[in-house]
Amino acid sequence: MANETCGHRPGDRIGRVVGGLAVGILCTVTPMYLSEISPKETRGVTGLSFQFMITFGIFVAALIDLAVEGTSD
């Protein structure tokens, strides 16, 4: 039911654009900010941990998708 109405209203498209821009800016600014405020010894690890958590989240989402793939609404 939700798939039938998704994206057909103008507000849906505007929301997707605004949300996409916000996430893009967040993913650009956050690692730079973390690198600026972290001590010199841990700058690389701080930036790496941010990217690793993004990748780990995508991996977990893929696992959940595989787990519920055969289920119905």
Protein backbone atom coordinates (compact mmCIF):
# COMPACT_ATOMS: atom_id res chain seq x y z
CA MET A 1 0.00 0.00 0.00
CA ALA A 2 2.75 2.43 0.91
CA ASN A 3 4.61 1.77 -2.35
CA GLU A 4 1.58 2.79 -4.41
CA THR A 5 1.46 6.33 -3.04
CA CYS A 6 5.15 6.97 -2.44
CA GLY A 7 6.65 9.73 -4.56
CA HIS A 8 3.45 10.92 -6.21
CA ARG A 9 2.94 14.03 -4.11
CA PRO A 10 5.14 17.12 -4.63
CA GLY A 11 6.05 17.17 -0.95
CA ASP A 12 7.57 13.71 -1.24
CA ARG A 13 9.99 14.82 -3.91
CA ILE A 14 10.89 18.03 -2.09
CA GLY A 15 11.47 16.04 1.09
CA ARG A 16 13.76 13.62 -0.70
CA VAL A 17 15.81 16.46 -2.20
CA VAL A 18 16.11 18.32 1.11
CA GLY A 19 16.88 15.12 3.01
CA GLY A 20 19.47 14.04 0.45
CA LEU A 21 21.22 17.41 0.55
CA ALA A 22 21.23 17.39 4.35
CA VAL A 23 22.74 13.90 4.54
CA GLY A 24 25.32 14.78 1.88
CA ILE A 25 26.40 17.88 3.76
CA LEU A 26 26.46 15.96 7.03
CA CYS A 27 28.68 13.24 5.57
CA THR A 28 31.09 15.88 4.28
CA VAL A 29 31.24 18.22 7.25
CA THR A 30 31.29 15.68 10.09
CA PRO A 31 34.62 14.00 9.22
CA MET A 32 36.26 17.40 8.68
CA TYR A 33 34.98 18.65 12.04
CA LEU A 34 36.10 15.47 13.81
CA SER A 35 39.57 15.82 12.27
CA GLU A 36 39.82 19.43 13.41
CA ILE A 37 38.85 18.83 17.04
CA SER A 38 40.65 15.52 17.60
CA PRO A 39 44.20 15.37 18.94
CA LYS A 40 46.97 14.99 16.39
CA GLU A 41 47.65 11.39 17.42
CA THR A 42 44.07 10.19 16.79
CA ARG A 43 43.02 12.12 13.67
CA GLY A 44 43.34 9.18 11.30
CA VAL A 45 41.47 6.81 13.58
CA THR A 46 38.66 9.33 14.08
CA GLY A 47 38.09 9.75 10.35
CA LEU A 48 38.39 6.03 9.76
CA SER A 49 35.87 5.19 12.47
CA PHE A 50 33.27 7.51 10.92
CA GLN A 51 33.61 5.84 7.51
CA PHE A 52 33.71 2.36 9.06
CA MET A 53 30.44 2.97 10.92
CA ILE A 54 28.76 4.17 7.70
CA THR A 55 29.93 1.00 5.92
CA PHE A 56 28.93 -1.20 8.86
CA GLY A 57 25.45 0.32 8.85
CA ILE A 58 25.04 -0.45 5.15
CA PHE A 59 26.19 -4.02 5.81
CA VAL A 60 23.69 -4.49 8.66
CA ALA A 61 20.89 -3.06 6.49
CA ALA A 62 21.77 -5.58 3.76
CA LEU A 63 21.70 -8.43 6.29
CA ILE A 64 18.29 -7.33 7.56
CA ASP A 65 17.05 -7.14 3.98
CA LEU A 66 18.21 -10.70 3.35
CA ALA A 67 16.55 -11.89 6.56
CA VAL A 68 13.13 -10.46 5.69
CA GLU A 69 13.26 -10.99 1.93
CA GLY A 70 10.79 -13.87 1.86
CA THR A 71 8.26 -12.37 4.26
CA SER A 72 5.09 -10.70 3.09
CA ASP A 73 3.24 -7.63 4.34
